[in-house]
C-alpha atoms as a PDB file:
ATOM      1  CA  MET A   1    -114.046 111.510-119.139  1.00  0.00           C
ATOM      2  CA  ILE A   2    -116.849 113.973-119.753  1.00  0.00           C
ATOM      3  CA  TYR A   3    -117.919 114.326-123.386  1.00  0.00           C
ATOM      4  CA  GLY A   4    -120.533 116.992-122.703  1.00  0.00           C
ATOM      5  CA  ILE A   5    -122.891 118.560-120.196  1.00  0.00           C
ATOM      6  CA  GLY A   6    -126.332 119.982-120.920  1.00  0.00           C
ATOM      7  CA  THR A   7    -128.996 121.662-118.860  1.00  0.00           C
ATOM      8  CA  ASP A   8    -132.412 123.109-119.645  1.00  0.00           C
ATOM      9  CA  LEU A   9    -135.166 124.980-117.834  1.00  0.00           C
ATOM     10  CA  CYS A  10    -138.698 124.720-119.211  1.00  0.00           C
ATOM     11  CA  ASP A  11    -141.686 126.893-118.298  1.00  0.00           C
ATOM     12  CA  LEU A  12    -144.593 124.467-117.913  1.00  0.00           C
ATOM     13  CA  ARG A  13    -147.074 127.286-118.587  1.00  0.00           C
ATOM     14  CA  ARG A  14    -145.631 127.561-122.111  1.00  0.00           C
ATOM     15  CA  ILE A  15    -145.949 123.796-122.560  1.00  0.00           C
ATOM     16  CA  ALA A  16    -149.601 123.989-121.439  1.00  0.00           C
ATOM     17  CA  ALA A  17    -150.285 126.903-123.804  1.00  0.00           C
ATOM     18  CA  THR A  18    -148.689 125.069-126.739  1.00  0.00           C
ATOM     19  CA  LEU A  19    -150.660 121.934-125.922  1.00  0.00           C
ATOM     20  CA  THR A  20    -153.856 124.002-125.871  1.00  0.00           C
ATOM     21  CA  ARG A  21    -153.025 125.636-129.223  1.00  0.00           C
ATOM     22  CA  ARG A  22    -151.720 122.590-131.083  1.00  0.00           C
ATOM     23  CA  GLY A  23    -153.464 119.760-129.278  1.00  0.00           C
ATOM     24  CA  GLU A  24    -151.922 116.354-128.868  1.00  0.00           C
ATOM     25  CA  ARG A  25    -149.957 116.854-132.111  1.00  0.00           C
ATOM     26  CA  PHE A  26    -147.409 118.749-130.023  1.00  0.00           C
ATOM     27  CA  ALA A  27    -146.942 115.787-127.675  1.00  0.00           C
ATOM     28  CA  GLU A  28    -146.766 113.419-130.645  1.00  0.00           C
ATOM     29  CA  LYS A  29    -143.955 115.519-132.144  1.00  0.00           C
ATOM     30  CA  VAL A  30    -141.888 115.604-128.939  1.00  0.00           C
ATOM     31  CA  LEU A  31    -142.524 112.216-127.316  1.00  0.00           C
ATOM     32  CA  GLY A  32    -141.461 108.760-128.420  1.00  0.00           C
ATOM     33  CA  PRO A  33    -143.938 105.852-128.416  1.00  0.00           C
ATOM     34  CA  GLN A  34    -143.376 104.712-124.822  1.00  0.00           C
ATOM     35  CA  GLU A  35    -143.344 108.278-123.516  1.00  0.00           C
ATOM     36  CA  LEU A  36    -146.574 109.025-125.351  1.00  0.00           C
ATOM     37  CA  ASP A  37    -148.307 106.132-123.574  1.00  0.00           C
ATOM     38  CA  VAL A  38    -147.199 107.452-120.171  1.00  0.00           C
ATOM     39  CA  PHE A  39    -148.186 111.023-121.099  1.00  0.00           C
ATOM     40  CA  ARG A  40    -151.686 109.963-122.131  1.00  0.00           C
ATOM     41  CA  ALA A  41    -152.214 107.901-118.975  1.00  0.00           C
ATOM     42  CA  ARG A  42    -151.012 110.697-116.671  1.00  0.00           C
ATOM     43  CA  ARG A  43    -152.970 113.367-118.509  1.00  0.00           C
ATOM     44  CA  ALA A  44    -156.143 111.249-118.367  1.00  0.00           C
ATOM     45  CA  ARG A  45    -155.857 111.067-114.579  1.00  0.00           C
ATOM     46  CA  VAL A  46    -154.790 114.684-113.922  1.00  0.00           C
ATOM     47  CA  GLU A  47    -154.171 117.264-116.659  1.00  0.00           C
ATOM     48  CA  ALA A  48    -151.324 118.925-114.716  1.00  0.00           C
ATOM     49  CA  ARG A  49    -149.474 115.600-114.359  1.00  0.00           C
ATOM     50  CA  GLY A  50    -149.545 115.120-118.107  1.00  0.00           C
ATOM     51  CA  ILE A  51    -148.239 118.647-118.688  1.00  0.00           C
ATOM     52  CA  SER A  52    -145.440 118.132-116.136  1.00  0.00           C
ATOM     53  CA  TYR A  53    -144.486 114.863-117.786  1.00  0.00           C
ATOM     54  CA  LEU A  54    -144.357 116.468-121.238  1.00  0.00           C
ATOM     55  CA  GLY A  55    -142.361 119.402-119.859  1.00  0.00           C
ATOM     56  CA  THR A  56    -139.772 117.251-118.117  1.00  0.00           C
ATOM     57  CA  ARG A  57    -139.261 115.169-121.256  1.00  0.00           C
ATOM     58  CA  PHE A  58    -139.002 118.293-123.426  1.00  0.00           C
ATOM     59  CA  SER A  59    -136.429 119.742-121.024  1.00  0.00           C
ATOM     60  CA  ALA A  60    -134.397 116.518-120.786  1.00  0.00           C
ATOM     61  CA  LYS A  61    -134.223 116.160-124.570  1.00  0.00           C
ATOM     62  CA  GLU A  62    -133.028 119.761-124.894  1.00  0.00           C
ATOM     63  CA  ALA A  63    -130.358 119.108-122.240  1.00  0.00           C
ATOM     64  CA  PHE A  64    -129.300 115.858-123.942  1.00  0.00           C
ATOM     65  CA  SER A  65    -129.019 117.562-127.344  1.00  0.00           C
ATOM     66  CA  LYS A  66    -126.729 120.170-125.757  1.00  0.00           C
ATOM     67  CA  ALA A  67    -124.610 117.535-123.989  1.00  0.00           C
ATOM     68  CA  ILE A  68    -123.930 115.643-127.225  1.00  0.00           C
ATOM     69  CA  GLY A  69    -123.218 118.887-129.065  1.00  0.00           C
ATOM     70  CA  LEU A  70    -125.703 118.397-131.892  1.00  0.00           C
ATOM     71  CA  GLY A  71    -128.623 120.516-130.859  1.00  0.00           C
ATOM     72  CA  LEU A  72    -131.750 119.357-132.652  1.00  0.00           C
ATOM     73  CA  ARG A  73    -130.221 118.329-135.938  1.00  0.00           C
ATOM     74  CA  THR A  74    -129.697 114.911-137.477  1.00  0.00           C
ATOM     75  CA  PRO A  75    -129.275 112.351-136.100  1.00  0.00           C
ATOM     76  CA  MET A  76    -130.816 113.990-132.989  1.00  0.00           C
ATOM     77  CA  THR A  77    -134.602 114.186-133.237  1.00  0.00           C
ATOM     78  CA  TRP A  78    -137.278 114.552-130.583  1.00  0.00           C
ATOM     79  CA  ARG A  79    -138.678 111.057-131.068  1.00  0.00           C
ATOM     80  CA  SER A  80    -135.319 109.255-131.402  1.00  0.00           C
ATOM     81  CA  CYS A  81    -134.561 110.079-127.764  1.00  0.00           C
ATOM     82  CA  GLU A  82    -136.854 108.852-124.996  1.00  0.00           C
ATOM     83  CA  ILE A  83    -136.557 109.632-121.305  1.00  0.00           C
ATOM     84  CA  LEU A  84    -138.022 106.642-119.513  1.00  0.00           C
ATOM     85  CA  ASN A  85    -138.001 105.493-115.908  1.00  0.00           C
ATOM     86  CA  LEU A  86    -136.470 102.387-114.432  1.00  0.00           C
ATOM     87  CA  PRO A  87    -138.673 100.424-111.984  1.00  0.00           C
ATOM     88  CA  SER A  88    -136.924 102.343-109.187  1.00  0.00           C
ATOM     89  CA  GLY A  89    -138.172 105.613-110.719  1.00  0.00           C
ATOM     90  CA  GLN A  90    -134.727 106.706-111.892  1.00  0.00           C
ATOM     91  CA  PRO A  91    -134.891 108.382-115.303  1.00  0.00           C
ATOM     92  CA  HIS A  92    -132.687 107.053-118.089  1.00  0.00           C
ATOM     93  CA  ILE A  93    -132.192 107.814-121.752  1.00  0.00           C
ATOM     94  CA  VAL A  94    -133.220 105.329-124.441  1.00  0.00           C
ATOM     95  CA  LEU A  95    -132.114 106.088-127.992  1.00  0.00           C
ATOM     96  CA  HIS A  96    -133.477 104.784-131.289  1.00  0.00           C
ATOM     97  CA  GLY A  97    -132.428 104.522-134.926  1.00  0.00           C
ATOM     98  CA  GLU A  98    -129.629 106.685-136.322  1.00  0.00           C
ATOM     99  CA  LEU A  99    -129.147 108.505-133.029  1.00  0.00           C
ATOM    100  CA  ALA A 100    -128.606 105.220-131.168  1.00  0.00           C
ATOM    101  CA  ALA A 101    -126.070 104.119-133.815  1.00  0.00           C
ATOM    102  CA  TRP A 102    -124.262 107.497-133.658  1.00  0.00           C
ATOM    103  CA  PHE A 103    -124.133 107.395-129.844  1.00  0.00           C
ATOM    104  CA  ASP A 104    -123.041 103.743-129.641  1.00  0.00           C
ATOM    105  CA  ALA A 105    -120.315 104.228-132.290  1.00  0.00           C
ATOM    106  CA  ARG A 106    -118.682 106.736-129.947  1.00  0.00           C
ATOM    107  CA  GLY A 107    -119.083 104.476-126.907  1.00  0.00           C
ATOM    108  CA  LEU A 108    -120.917 107.218-125.038  1.00  0.00           C
ATOM    109  CA  LYS A 109    -122.929 106.854-121.843  1.00  0.00           C
ATOM    110  CA  ALA A 110    -125.531 109.365-120.626  1.00  0.00           C
ATOM    111  CA  HIS A 111    -126.836 110.255-117.181  1.00  0.00           C
ATOM    112  CA  VAL A 112    -129.974 112.356-116.737  1.00  0.00           C
ATOM    113  CA  SER A 113    -131.625 114.107-113.818  1.00  0.00           C
ATOM    114  CA  ILE A 114    -135.049 115.750-114.107  1.00  0.00           C
ATOM    115  CA  THR A 115    -137.239 117.653-111.696  1.00  0.00           C
ATOM    116  CA  ASP A 116    -140.335 119.812-111.811  1.00  0.00           C
ATOM    117  CA  GLU A 117    -142.310 122.210-109.674  1.00  0.00           C
ATOM    118  CA  THR A 118    -145.611 123.940-110.289  1.00  0.00           C
ATOM    119  CA  ASP A 119    -144.386 126.215-113.093  1.00  0.00           C
ATOM    120  CA  TYR A 120    -141.007 124.821-114.171  1.00  0.00           C
ATOM    121  CA  ALA A 121    -139.212 121.653-115.203  1.00  0.00           C
ATOM    122  CA  THR A 122    -135.447 121.394-115.313  1.00  0.00           C
ATOM    123  CA  SER A 123    -133.004 118.774-116.519  1.00  0.00           C
ATOM    124  CA  PHE A 124    -129.317 118.064-116.300  1.00  0.00           C
ATOM    125  CA  VAL A 125    -127.481 115.594-118.557  1.00  0.00           C
ATOM    126  CA  VAL A 126    -123.879 114.412-118.400  1.00  0.00           C
ATOM    127  CA  VAL A 127    -122.481 112.361-121.274  1.00  0.00           C
ATOM    128  CA  GLU A 128    -119.305 110.355-120.714  1.00  0.00           C
ATOM    129  CA  THR A 129    -116.736 108.849-123.056  1.00  0.00           C
ATOM    130  CA  PRO A 130    -115.284 105.397-122.433  1.00  0.00           C
ATOM    131  CA  PRO A 131    -112.352 105.236-119.999  1.00  0.00           C
END
């Protein structure tokens, strides 16, 4: 059964502008430790790839927060939710700390889809309850 659905559209130009204004502090606020490593590696190779990565993760976390019905309030925080990739490339959600405990206590399962183009990133998250 579906617990919640969330979607988000992110303008990558706004992400780039915020990154220019605030520097890497912005990425450090939004990304978890593993995501931050990927962001830095992609950005070092090609600036636009780093911005796209940050934008897709920002968008997916917004969509996830909508799907679980909490928005960005405790236990949901930017860094307690990471959007990582399986070896196949498929994105999946990894939760930490209080958010992981909250999610697991409800027996929830999340599915995420992310995509980006030159100017936009979008995400779709479906959260299921146990059968």
